[in-house]
Amino acid sequence: MNDIGIRAYATKSKGIGGTIKEVPEDFIVQEIQNDISVSSLEPSKNLPSDSDESKEYTHFTLVKRDWNQEQILKRVARRIGISRKRFSVSGTKDKKALTAQKVSAWNISAQNLLNVRIKDCEIGDFSYSTGRIELGDHWGNRFTVKILGASGSPEQTLSELEELGGIPNFFGEQRFGLRLNNHIVGKHILEGNIESAVHEFLAGTGERESKEGRQAREALAENWGDFGKALKDFPVYMRFERALLDHLNVHSNDYVGAFKKLSKQTYKFFTHAYQSYLFNIILSDRINKGSSLEGNASILGYKSEPDETESALLEKEGLSLKDFKVSQFPEASVRGDRRNFLAEIKNLSFQGKNNITLSFDLTKGAYATILLREVQKA
């Protein structure tokens, strides 16, 4: 995780190694609505008795197994014959996992939802409400994770984390995209170097993507500018990349126009990832120096008031605060925020020896992979 700025461990105990996510059931995520209510993996199919017509939203629990969240919501919408936009969720859940979360649907009856039948998907626990679920409404998530082939006990590491008061609040790999390069694209955007941003988006490779996708990117990197050939090489499912290539094949030097083929919402994915990278470096530096992990640090943006450490990092990166306000792509601009150095853990427990099951609750915005990194040190 060095490439995304995670360069320190908060615990000193030896890692237990092992593997996770052999099957989706090895990584279970249940959304916690209010620090008490946990979304069930077996939601009730009973219809709500309340039929007040003034309550135009149906809230329900969605359980999915090995489904991308956006894809399953689109599939449910298609089965009912409605727009995906009528659904809203509080947070994004992992794909290769068994997950349960709350969803709200505007002006859709519980009966219509109950009639949906999709493999590896369950819908239930219905209720009616006057309001929709908004992003960030939930308290956090409950994780139940199996570590297979462990070489020891996690007890010492978990004890250290409890004594510390939480886990290091690093931004996990999910924040950086499949190829772990969203932050590189983001930095190029802030620098105003849109050709480099497009180059990284199209030609930057990652170990986790498909072989054909990686080969297409490598070929484009070697023959940058031959966008017609790249259109033949890039698989049809890489539709975002192909949209940019299609534009560049006609307008070979119009990198700004090509980048605008991405949705405006996408721009912030890149600049948010770069902010996350900087925060990870700041937190890593603090851990390595043995500094206190009480308090918080800047998620740097154009409204931030950086301390000496944060200012020095910006200078080293060759950027200033004003660069976080992007004139060419205003939607990529980021104001800044603050983030705690530690994320609280609740209900932490484990069982087993060689095959260990960890259970814990984390507040929203915290990453289970960071706790697992401390435990496994693999």
Foldseek 3Di string as FASTA:
>chain_A
DVLLQQDDFLDDDDFFAFDWLPAQAQKEKWFAQEVPDTFDLDADLDFDPDPPVLQFKKKKKKWAALAFPLVVLCVLCVQLVHDSVQKDFQDGDDRRHTYIGMIMGGNDGSVSSSPDDDPRMDMHPIDTHNDGHHHNSTFFIKIKHKGAQTRWDLVRLVVSQVVLQFFFQAQDQVLQDPQSCLQVLQLCLLVVNLVSSLLCVQQPGHPRDDPLSNVLSPVCVVVPQPLVVSLVSHDVVVPLNNQLSVVCVVVVPPSLVSVPSDDLLVLQSSNLSNLSSLQSNVLNVCSVVVHRQFDKAKSAALQDDHDPVSVVVCVVSVHDRVSLCRPSRNSNRDNIDMDGRGWGKPPWDWDDTNIIITIIITTPSGDPVSSSCNNRVD
